C-alpha atoms as a PDB file:
ATOM      1  CA  MET A   1     -17.876 -15.069   1.651  1.00  0.00           C
ATOM      2  CA  ARG A   2     -18.454 -18.806   0.953  1.00  0.00           C
ATOM      3  CA  ALA A   3     -16.799 -20.293  -2.032  1.00  0.00           C
ATOM      4  CA  ARG A   4     -19.088 -21.098  -4.909  1.00  0.00           C
ATOM      5  CA  LYS A   5     -19.059 -24.478  -6.312  1.00  0.00           C
ATOM      6  CA  ARG A   6     -20.270 -23.619  -9.880  1.00  0.00           C
ATOM      7  CA  PHE A   7     -16.959 -21.510 -10.159  1.00  0.00           C
ATOM      8  CA  GLY A   8     -14.736 -24.194  -8.692  1.00  0.00           C
ATOM      9  CA  GLN A   9     -13.544 -21.922  -6.117  1.00  0.00           C
ATOM     10  CA  HIS A  10     -10.813 -22.882  -3.710  1.00  0.00           C
ATOM     11  CA  PHE A  11      -9.121 -19.903  -2.100  1.00  0.00           C
ATOM     12  CA  LEU A  12      -5.542 -19.969  -1.390  1.00  0.00           C
ATOM     13  CA  HIS A  13      -4.680 -18.639   1.937  1.00  0.00           C
ATOM     14  CA  ASP A  14      -1.366 -20.052   3.201  1.00  0.00           C
ATOM     15  CA  PRO A  15       1.075 -17.300   3.521  1.00  0.00           C
ATOM     16  CA  ALA A  16       4.094 -19.524   3.027  1.00  0.00           C
ATOM     17  CA  VAL A  17       2.701 -20.809  -0.256  1.00  0.00           C
ATOM     18  CA  ILE A  18       1.931 -17.298  -1.321  1.00  0.00           C
ATOM     19  CA  GLU A  19       5.376 -16.104  -0.637  1.00  0.00           C
ATOM     20  CA  ARG A  20       6.926 -18.899  -2.519  1.00  0.00           C
ATOM     21  CA  ILE A  21       4.777 -18.103  -5.511  1.00  0.00           C
ATOM     22  CA  VAL A  22       5.431 -14.526  -5.523  1.00  0.00           C
ATOM     23  CA  SER A  23       9.242 -15.324  -5.091  1.00  0.00           C
ATOM     24  CA  ALA A  24       9.070 -17.609  -8.223  1.00  0.00           C
ATOM     25  CA  ILE A  25       7.194 -15.075 -10.250  1.00  0.00           C
ATOM     26  CA  ALA A  26       9.655 -12.278  -9.243  1.00  0.00           C
ATOM     27  CA  PRO A  27       7.282  -9.471 -10.394  1.00  0.00           C
ATOM     28  CA  ARG A  28       8.967  -6.089 -11.264  1.00  0.00           C
ATOM     29  CA  SER A  29       7.910  -2.579 -11.390  1.00  0.00           C
ATOM     30  CA  GLY A  30       6.591  -1.647 -14.918  1.00  0.00           C
ATOM     31  CA  GLU A  31       5.494  -5.143 -15.878  1.00  0.00           C
ATOM     32  CA  ALA A  32       2.002  -5.792 -16.924  1.00  0.00           C
ATOM     33  CA  LEU A  33       0.559  -8.703 -14.676  1.00  0.00           C
ATOM     34  CA  VAL A  34      -2.719 -10.325 -15.156  1.00  0.00           C
ATOM     35  CA  GLU A  35      -4.169 -12.363 -12.358  1.00  0.00           C
ATOM     36  CA  ILE A  36      -7.014 -14.776 -13.396  1.00  0.00           C
ATOM     37  CA  GLY A  37      -9.476 -15.722 -10.450  1.00  0.00           C
ATOM     38  CA  PRO A  38      -8.032 -13.472  -7.665  1.00  0.00           C
ATOM     39  CA  GLY A  39     -10.672 -14.395  -5.243  1.00  0.00           C
ATOM     40  CA  HIS A  40     -10.266 -12.605  -1.991  1.00  0.00           C
ATOM     41  CA  GLY A  41      -7.083 -11.006  -3.203  1.00  0.00           C
ATOM     42  CA  ALA A  42      -4.495 -13.011  -1.091  1.00  0.00           C
ATOM     43  CA  LEU A  43      -2.226 -13.214  -3.985  1.00  0.00           C
ATOM     44  CA  THR A  44      -3.229  -9.869  -5.420  1.00  0.00           C
ATOM     45  CA  ASN A  45      -2.093  -7.860  -2.517  1.00  0.00           C
ATOM     46  CA  ARG A  46       1.470  -9.285  -2.801  1.00  0.00           C
ATOM     47  CA  LEU A  47       1.626  -8.658  -6.544  1.00  0.00           C
ATOM     48  CA  LEU A  48       0.623  -5.108  -6.076  1.00  0.00           C
ATOM     49  CA  ALA A  49       3.356  -4.490  -3.569  1.00  0.00           C
ATOM     50  CA  ALA A  50       5.771  -5.102  -6.412  1.00  0.00           C
ATOM     51  CA  GLY A  51       4.766  -1.899  -8.199  1.00  0.00           C
ATOM     52  CA  ALA A  52       3.664  -3.657 -11.437  1.00  0.00           C
ATOM     53  CA  SER A  53       0.515  -2.852 -13.559  1.00  0.00           C
ATOM     54  CA  LEU A  54      -2.119  -5.406 -12.386  1.00  0.00           C
ATOM     55  CA  ASP A  55      -5.413  -6.410 -14.343  1.00  0.00           C
ATOM     56  CA  VAL A  56      -7.471  -9.064 -12.443  1.00  0.00           C
ATOM     57  CA  ILE A  57     -10.204 -11.027 -14.118  1.00  0.00           C
ATOM     58  CA  GLU A  58     -12.828 -12.333 -11.733  1.00  0.00           C
ATOM     59  CA  ILE A  59     -16.087 -13.917 -13.017  1.00  0.00           C
ATOM     60  CA  ASP A  60     -17.703 -13.695  -9.539  1.00  0.00           C
ATOM     61  CA  ARG A  61     -19.587 -10.343  -9.383  1.00  0.00           C
ATOM     62  CA  GLU A  62     -19.555 -10.019  -5.601  1.00  0.00           C
ATOM     63  CA  LEU A  63     -15.732 -10.934  -5.424  1.00  0.00           C
ATOM     64  CA  ALA A  64     -15.011  -8.331  -8.150  1.00  0.00           C
ATOM     65  CA  ALA A  65     -17.157  -5.735  -6.310  1.00  0.00           C
ATOM     66  CA  ALA A  66     -15.108  -6.399  -3.077  1.00  0.00           C
ATOM     67  CA  LEU A  67     -11.911  -5.991  -4.983  1.00  0.00           C
ATOM     68  CA  ARG A  68     -12.833  -2.814  -6.423  1.00  0.00           C
ATOM     69  CA  ALA A  69     -13.869  -1.378  -3.268  1.00  0.00           C
ATOM     70  CA  ARG A  70     -10.712  -2.628  -1.286  1.00  0.00           C
ATOM     71  CA  GLN A  71      -8.290  -1.138  -4.009  1.00  0.00           C
ATOM     72  CA  ALA A  72     -10.335   2.045  -4.939  1.00  0.00           C
ATOM     73  CA  GLY A  73      -8.173   4.705  -6.202  1.00  0.00           C
ATOM     74  CA  LEU A  74      -5.160   2.594  -6.556  1.00  0.00           C
ATOM     75  CA  PRO A  75      -3.126   3.382  -9.668  1.00  0.00           C
ATOM     76  CA  HIS A  76      -2.290   0.661 -12.228  1.00  0.00           C
ATOM     77  CA  PHE A  77      -4.924  -1.631 -10.900  1.00  0.00           C
ATOM     78  CA  THR A  78      -8.142  -2.842 -12.933  1.00  0.00           C
ATOM     79  CA  VAL A  79     -10.711  -5.299 -12.273  1.00  0.00           C
ATOM     80  CA  HIS A  80     -12.344  -6.986 -15.079  1.00  0.00           C
ATOM     81  CA  GLU A  81     -15.578  -8.712 -14.164  1.00  0.00           C
ATOM     82  CA  ALA A  82     -15.467 -11.379 -17.028  1.00  0.00           C
ATOM     83  CA  ASP A  83     -15.039 -15.225 -17.716  1.00  0.00           C
ATOM     84  CA  ALA A  84     -11.446 -15.647 -18.620  1.00  0.00           C
ATOM     85  CA  LEU A  85     -12.399 -18.112 -21.265  1.00  0.00           C
ATOM     86  CA  GLY A  86     -13.855 -15.305 -23.351  1.00  0.00           C
ATOM     87  CA  PHE A  87     -11.332 -12.613 -22.330  1.00  0.00           C
ATOM     88  CA  ASP A  88      -9.261 -10.839 -25.129  1.00  0.00           C
ATOM     89  CA  PHE A  89      -5.933 -11.135 -23.756  1.00  0.00           C
ATOM     90  CA  ALA A  90      -4.239  -9.793 -27.011  1.00  0.00           C
ATOM     91  CA  ALA A  91      -6.452  -6.569 -26.780  1.00  0.00           C
ATOM     92  CA  LEU A  92      -5.322  -6.092 -23.159  1.00  0.00           C
ATOM     93  CA  ALA A  93      -1.535  -6.366 -24.228  1.00  0.00           C
ATOM     94  CA  ARG A  94      -2.079  -3.731 -26.900  1.00  0.00           C
ATOM     95  CA  THR A  95      -3.679  -1.577 -24.259  1.00  0.00           C
ATOM     96  CA  ARG A  96      -0.789  -2.006 -21.797  1.00  0.00           C
ATOM     97  CA  GLY A  97       1.762  -1.646 -24.560  1.00  0.00           C
ATOM     98  CA  GLN A  98       3.708  -4.835 -23.692  1.00  0.00           C
ATOM     99  CA  ARG A  99       3.421  -8.550 -23.302  1.00  0.00           C
ATOM    100  CA  LEU A 100       1.589  -9.952 -20.476  1.00  0.00           C
ATOM    101  CA  ARG A 101       2.688 -12.050 -17.510  1.00  0.00           C
ATOM    102  CA  VAL A 102      -0.434 -14.087 -16.552  1.00  0.00           C
ATOM    103  CA  ILE A 103      -0.932 -15.676 -13.060  1.00  0.00           C
ATOM    104  CA  GLY A 104      -3.656 -17.683 -11.483  1.00  0.00           C
ATOM    105  CA  ASN A 105      -5.023 -20.202  -9.071  1.00  0.00           C
ATOM    106  CA  LEU A 106      -7.155 -21.687 -11.796  1.00  0.00           C
ATOM    107  CA  PRO A 107     -10.334 -23.626 -11.197  1.00  0.00           C
ATOM    108  CA  TYR A 108      -9.542 -27.341 -12.065  1.00  0.00           C
ATOM    109  CA  ASN A 109     -12.708 -27.702 -14.344  1.00  0.00           C
ATOM    110  CA  ILE A 110     -11.495 -25.023 -16.889  1.00  0.00           C
ATOM    111  CA  SER A 111      -7.725 -25.258 -16.467  1.00  0.00           C
ATOM    112  CA  THR A 112      -7.058 -27.239 -19.827  1.00  0.00           C
ATOM    113  CA  PRO A 113      -9.447 -25.133 -22.082  1.00  0.00           C
ATOM    114  CA  LEU A 114      -8.264 -22.010 -20.523  1.00  0.00           C
ATOM    115  CA  LEU A 115      -4.416 -22.920 -21.251  1.00  0.00           C
ATOM    116  CA  PHE A 116      -5.320 -23.284 -24.955  1.00  0.00           C
ATOM    117  CA  ARG A 117      -7.417 -20.167 -24.911  1.00  0.00           C
ATOM    118  CA  LEU A 118      -4.330 -18.280 -23.693  1.00  0.00           C
ATOM    119  CA  LEU A 119      -2.034 -19.885 -26.370  1.00  0.00           C
ATOM    120  CA  GLU A 120      -4.381 -18.441 -29.022  1.00  0.00           C
ATOM    121  CA  ALA A 121      -2.909 -15.058 -27.751  1.00  0.00           C
ATOM    122  CA  GLY A 122       0.581 -16.543 -27.238  1.00  0.00           C
ATOM    123  CA  ALA A 123       2.260 -13.684 -29.065  1.00  0.00           C
ATOM    124  CA  ALA A 124       0.748 -11.155 -26.500  1.00  0.00           C
ATOM    125  CA  LEU A 125       2.224 -13.239 -23.631  1.00  0.00           C
ATOM    126  CA  LEU A 126       5.582 -13.403 -21.914  1.00  0.00           C
ATOM    127  CA  ASP A 127       4.943 -16.261 -19.538  1.00  0.00           C
ATOM    128  CA  MET A 128       2.244 -17.929 -17.164  1.00  0.00           C
ATOM    129  CA  HIS A 129       2.478 -19.049 -13.576  1.00  0.00           C
ATOM    130  CA  PHE A 130      -0.585 -21.323 -12.638  1.00  0.00           C
ATOM    131  CA  MET A 131      -1.735 -23.166  -9.718  1.00  0.00           C
ATOM    132  CA  LEU A 132      -3.152 -26.486 -11.061  1.00  0.00           C
ATOM    133  CA  GLN A 133      -4.158 -29.963  -9.940  1.00  0.00           C
ATOM    134  CA  LYS A 134      -0.833 -31.679  -9.275  1.00  0.00           C
ATOM    135  CA  GLU A 135      -1.768 -34.347 -11.700  1.00  0.00           C
ATOM    136  CA  VAL A 136      -2.364 -31.920 -14.578  1.00  0.00           C
ATOM    137  CA  VAL A 137       1.158 -30.317 -13.796  1.00  0.00           C
ATOM    138  CA  GLU A 138       2.780 -33.631 -14.026  1.00  0.00           C
ATOM    139  CA  ARG A 139       1.087 -34.367 -17.460  1.00  0.00           C
ATOM    140  CA  ILE A 140       2.443 -31.052 -18.726  1.00  0.00           C
ATOM    141  CA  VAL A 141       6.018 -31.434 -17.740  1.00  0.00           C
ATOM    142  CA  ALA A 142       6.183 -35.172 -18.417  1.00  0.00           C
ATOM    143  CA  ALA A 143       8.923 -36.461 -20.749  1.00  0.00           C
ATOM    144  CA  PRO A 144       8.381 -39.064 -23.568  1.00  0.00           C
ATOM    145  CA  GLY A 145       8.263 -42.475 -22.196  1.00  0.00           C
ATOM    146  CA  SER A 146       7.004 -41.525 -18.683  1.00  0.00           C
ATOM    147  CA  ARG A 147       3.530 -42.577 -17.378  1.00  0.00           C
ATOM    148  CA  GLN A 148       2.235 -39.088 -17.301  1.00  0.00           C
ATOM    149  CA  TYR A 149       3.304 -38.370 -20.791  1.00  0.00           C
ATOM    150  CA  GLY A 150       0.222 -37.700 -23.119  1.00  0.00           C
ATOM    151  CA  ARG A 151      -1.702 -35.444 -25.251  1.00  0.00           C
ATOM    152  CA  LEU A 152      -1.724 -32.326 -23.192  1.00  0.00           C
ATOM    153  CA  GLY A 153       2.022 -32.151 -22.701  1.00  0.00           C
ATOM    154  CA  VAL A 154       2.601 -32.782 -26.403  1.00  0.00           C
ATOM    155  CA  MET A 155       0.169 -30.117 -27.424  1.00  0.00           C
ATOM    156  CA  LEU A 156       1.798 -27.549 -25.087  1.00  0.00           C
ATOM    157  CA  ALA A 157       5.473 -28.505 -25.674  1.00  0.00           C
ATOM    158  CA  PRO A 158       6.114 -26.690 -28.999  1.00  0.00           C
ATOM    159  CA  ARG A 159       4.615 -23.399 -27.636  1.00  0.00           C
ATOM    160  CA  VAL A 160       5.950 -23.251 -24.127  1.00  0.00           C
ATOM    161  CA  ARG A 161       8.685 -24.185 -21.961  1.00  0.00           C
ATOM    162  CA  ALA A 162       7.232 -25.923 -18.915  1.00  0.00           C
ATOM    163  CA  THR A 163       8.667 -26.149 -15.295  1.00  0.00           C
ATOM    164  CA  GLN A 164       7.165 -27.446 -12.169  1.00  0.00           C
ATOM    165  CA  LEU A 165       7.955 -24.954  -9.307  1.00  0.00           C
ATOM    166  CA  LEU A 166       6.276 -26.160  -6.149  1.00  0.00           C
ATOM    167  CA  GLU A 167       3.418 -28.167  -4.481  1.00  0.00           C
ATOM    168  CA  ALA A 168       0.599 -27.381  -2.179  1.00  0.00           C
ATOM    169  CA  GLY A 169      -1.382 -29.529  -0.108  1.00  0.00           C
ATOM    170  CA  PRO A 170      -5.253 -29.277   0.453  1.00  0.00           C
ATOM    171  CA  GLY A 171      -4.852 -27.313   3.675  1.00  0.00           C
ATOM    172  CA  ALA A 172      -3.387 -24.313   1.754  1.00  0.00           C
ATOM    173  CA  PHE A 173      -7.027 -23.627   0.357  1.00  0.00           C
ATOM    174  CA  ARG A 174     -10.331 -22.757   1.756  1.00  0.00           C
ATOM    175  CA  PRO A 175     -12.226 -24.994   1.321  1.00  0.00           C
ATOM    176  CA  PRO A 176      -9.626 -27.629   0.899  1.00  0.00           C
ATOM    177  CA  PRO A 177      -9.848 -29.524  -2.354  1.00  0.00           C
ATOM    178  CA  ARG A 178      -9.602 -33.305  -2.429  1.00  0.00           C
ATOM    179  CA  VAL A 179      -6.358 -33.362  -4.447  1.00  0.00           C
ATOM    180  CA  TRP A 180      -2.823 -31.864  -4.222  1.00  0.00           C
ATOM    181  CA  SER A 181      -2.095 -28.925  -6.349  1.00  0.00           C
ATOM    182  CA  ALA A 182       1.183 -27.562  -7.953  1.00  0.00           C
ATOM    183  CA  VAL A 183       2.466 -24.248  -9.580  1.00  0.00           C
ATOM    184  CA  VAL A 184       3.801 -24.635 -13.022  1.00  0.00           C
ATOM    185  CA  ARG A 185       5.752 -21.940 -14.989  1.00  0.00           C
ATOM    186  CA  LEU A 186       5.055 -21.742 -18.822  1.00  0.00           C
ATOM    187  CA  GLU A 187       7.371 -19.505 -20.575  1.00  0.00           C
ATOM    188  CA  ILE A 188       6.203 -18.654 -24.129  1.00  0.00           C
ATOM    189  CA  ARG A 189       8.545 -19.777 -26.908  1.00  0.00           C
ATOM    190  CA  PRO A 190       9.207 -16.811 -29.050  1.00  0.00           C
ATOM    191  CA  ASP A 191       9.431 -18.746 -32.303  1.00  0.00           C
ATOM    192  CA  PRO A 192       7.419 -21.812 -32.149  1.00  0.00           C
ATOM    193  CA  PRO A 193       7.827 -24.101 -35.156  1.00  0.00           C
ATOM    194  CA  ALA A 194       5.290 -23.527 -38.011  1.00  0.00           C
ATOM    195  CA  TRP A 195       3.799 -27.079 -37.479  1.00  0.00           C
ATOM    196  CA  ALA A 196       2.650 -26.327 -33.935  1.00  0.00           C
ATOM    197  CA  THR A 197      -0.318 -24.392 -34.949  1.00  0.00           C
ATOM    198  CA  LEU A 198      -1.391 -26.657 -37.880  1.00  0.00           C
ATOM    199  CA  PRO A 199      -4.778 -28.257 -37.393  1.00  0.00           C
ATOM    200  CA  GLN A 200      -3.035 -31.433 -38.508  1.00  0.00           C
ATOM    201  CA  TYR A 201      -0.773 -31.454 -35.539  1.00  0.00           C
ATOM    202  CA  ALA A 202      -3.820 -31.514 -33.185  1.00  0.00           C
ATOM    203  CA  ALA A 203      -5.330 -34.157 -35.338  1.00  0.00           C
ATOM    204  CA  VAL A 204      -2.255 -36.486 -35.243  1.00  0.00           C
ATOM    205  CA  VAL A 205      -1.621 -36.088 -31.493  1.00  0.00           C
ATOM    206  CA  GLY A 206      -5.262 -36.719 -30.894  1.00  0.00           C
ATOM    207  CA  ALA A 207      -5.451 -39.759 -32.918  1.00  0.00           C
ATOM    208  CA  ALA A 208      -2.180 -41.182 -31.570  1.00  0.00           C
ATOM    209  CA  PHE A 209      -3.035 -40.852 -27.883  1.00  0.00           C
ATOM    210  CA  GLY A 210      -6.782 -41.604 -28.516  1.00  0.00           C
ATOM    211  CA  GLN A 211      -5.545 -45.208 -28.858  1.00  0.00           C
ATOM    212  CA  ARG A 212      -2.153 -45.053 -27.186  1.00  0.00           C
ATOM    213  CA  ARG A 213      -1.821 -48.810 -26.727  1.00  0.00           C
ATOM    214  CA  LYS A 214      -1.946 -49.231 -30.548  1.00  0.00           C
ATOM    215  CA  THR A 215       0.988 -48.603 -32.761  1.00  0.00           C
ATOM    216  CA  LEU A 216       1.183 -45.647 -34.924  1.00  0.00           C
ATOM    217  CA  ARG A 217       0.504 -47.814 -37.840  1.00  0.00           C
ATOM    218  CA  ASN A 218      -2.977 -48.552 -36.483  1.00  0.00           C
ATOM    219  CA  ALA A 219      -3.709 -45.444 -34.546  1.00  0.00           C
ATOM    220  CA  LEU A 220      -3.123 -43.185 -37.351  1.00  0.00           C
ATOM    221  CA  SER A 221      -4.390 -45.287 -40.089  1.00  0.00           C
ATOM    222  CA  GLY A 222      -7.198 -42.775 -40.836  1.00  0.00           C
ATOM    223  CA  LEU A 223      -4.554 -40.075 -41.589  1.00  0.00           C
ATOM    224  CA  LEU A 224      -1.352 -41.631 -42.800  1.00  0.00           C
ATOM    225  CA  SER A 225      -0.399 -44.938 -44.235  1.00  0.00           C
ATOM    226  CA  ALA A 226       2.701 -46.849 -42.711  1.00  0.00           C
ATOM    227  CA  ALA A 227       4.650 -45.886 -45.800  1.00  0.00           C
ATOM    228  CA  ARG A 228       4.033 -42.216 -45.240  1.00  0.00           C
ATOM    229  CA  ILE A 229       4.811 -42.684 -41.473  1.00  0.00           C
ATOM    230  CA  SER A 230       8.239 -44.133 -42.368  1.00  0.00           C
ATOM    231  CA  ALA A 231       8.704 -41.528 -45.066  1.00  0.00           C
ATOM    232  CA  ALA A 232       8.406 -38.918 -42.123  1.00  0.00           C
ATOM    233  CA  GLY A 233      11.256 -40.641 -40.381  1.00  0.00           C
ATOM    234  CA  ILE A 234       9.093 -42.222 -37.761  1.00  0.00           C
ATOM    235  CA  ASP A 235       8.721 -46.055 -36.978  1.00  0.00           C
ATOM    236  CA  PRO A 236       5.192 -47.177 -37.828  1.00  0.00           C
ATOM    237  CA  GLY A 237       5.606 -49.801 -35.118  1.00  0.00           C
ATOM    238  CA  ALA A 238       6.267 -47.174 -32.327  1.00  0.00           C
ATOM    239  CA  ARG A 239       3.622 -46.002 -29.802  1.00  0.00           C
ATOM    240  CA  ALA A 240       2.637 -42.407 -29.235  1.00  0.00           C
ATOM    241  CA  GLU A 241       4.126 -42.219 -25.759  1.00  0.00           C
ATOM    242  CA  THR A 242       7.734 -42.791 -27.120  1.00  0.00           C
ATOM    243  CA  LEU A 243       7.598 -39.828 -29.596  1.00  0.00           C
ATOM    244  CA  ALA A 244       8.735 -36.253 -28.839  1.00  0.00           C
ATOM    245  CA  ALA A 245       6.800 -33.376 -29.971  1.00  0.00           C
ATOM    246  CA  ALA A 246       9.124 -32.682 -32.985  1.00  0.00           C
ATOM    247  CA  ASP A 247       8.267 -36.299 -34.134  1.00  0.00           C
ATOM    248  CA  PHE A 248       4.474 -35.459 -34.055  1.00  0.00           C
ATOM    249  CA  GLY A 249       5.349 -32.273 -36.016  1.00  0.00           C
ATOM    250  CA  ARG A 250       6.976 -34.343 -38.803  1.00  0.00           C
ATOM    251  CA  LEU A 251       3.849 -36.429 -38.996  1.00  0.00           C
ATOM    252  CA  ALA A 252       1.586 -33.423 -38.955  1.00  0.00           C
ATOM    253  CA  LEU A 253       3.528 -32.073 -42.015  1.00  0.00           C
ATOM    254  CA  ALA A 254       2.936 -35.337 -43.815  1.00  0.00           C
ATOM    255  CA  VAL A 255      -0.499 -35.213 -43.283  1.00  0.00           C
ATOM    256  CA  ALA A 256      -0.693 -31.621 -44.347  1.00  0.00           C
ATOM    257  CA  GLY A 257       1.153 -32.640 -47.624  1.00  0.00           C
ATOM    258  CA  ALA A 258      -1.398 -35.261 -48.233  1.00  0.00           C
ATOM    259  CA  ALA A 259      -4.469 -33.002 -48.047  1.00  0.00           C
ATOM    260  CA  PRO A 260      -5.015 -29.412 -48.481  1.00  0.00           C
ATOM    261  CA  LEU A 261      -4.983 -27.000 -45.500  1.00  0.00           C
END
């Protein structure tokens, strides 16, 4: 079955990479696993061998049908023919009676919106292991002051603990993508700070990195005055890439105090 460009399909096939991914995930019997975009089932088969409950979400109807046929009658295995961007992960967690461990070789074109969709159901998740474009993973795990540090990592940092696990070259996939890939582990933080879900947090981070060459005094002028930035304990002359997530949190609380939620 040929890969479909509209779904961004690149099927993982390298046995060595698959084994390293499964080893990193370390699935156990009784856990509730969810695989997004199982494709031909190369990773699916190894996850099933662990004895965990496995739900797979596949948007391609032909691939979904093939998975159902191949695993017909297998207990604790369910195929959902659906778009992961619209899937109700919280409802599935309630059905399974436990928090979910989510896994996937994600299409590059939906990886970022899907990450934020999953965070909407963060309380229903235990962790996530995703194969993403290497550049995206580097941005997720980047530290303040580094070249890769930016909006994506800052938005995720208060909600997850991110660790880059391994890399995979284009030859690990069919058809091979034009870029290298990497696997990231995202462990859900059980008690994220209250400011992490404020709309003001996203507004401050977006404004700061939207004009990252400017100082906070200028980049955030539409949200906070220099005096209010200083009152939050932040230097108005600093630039976005030097601030940790908690610093942006203080700025978000300052905005929230200046305008009703």
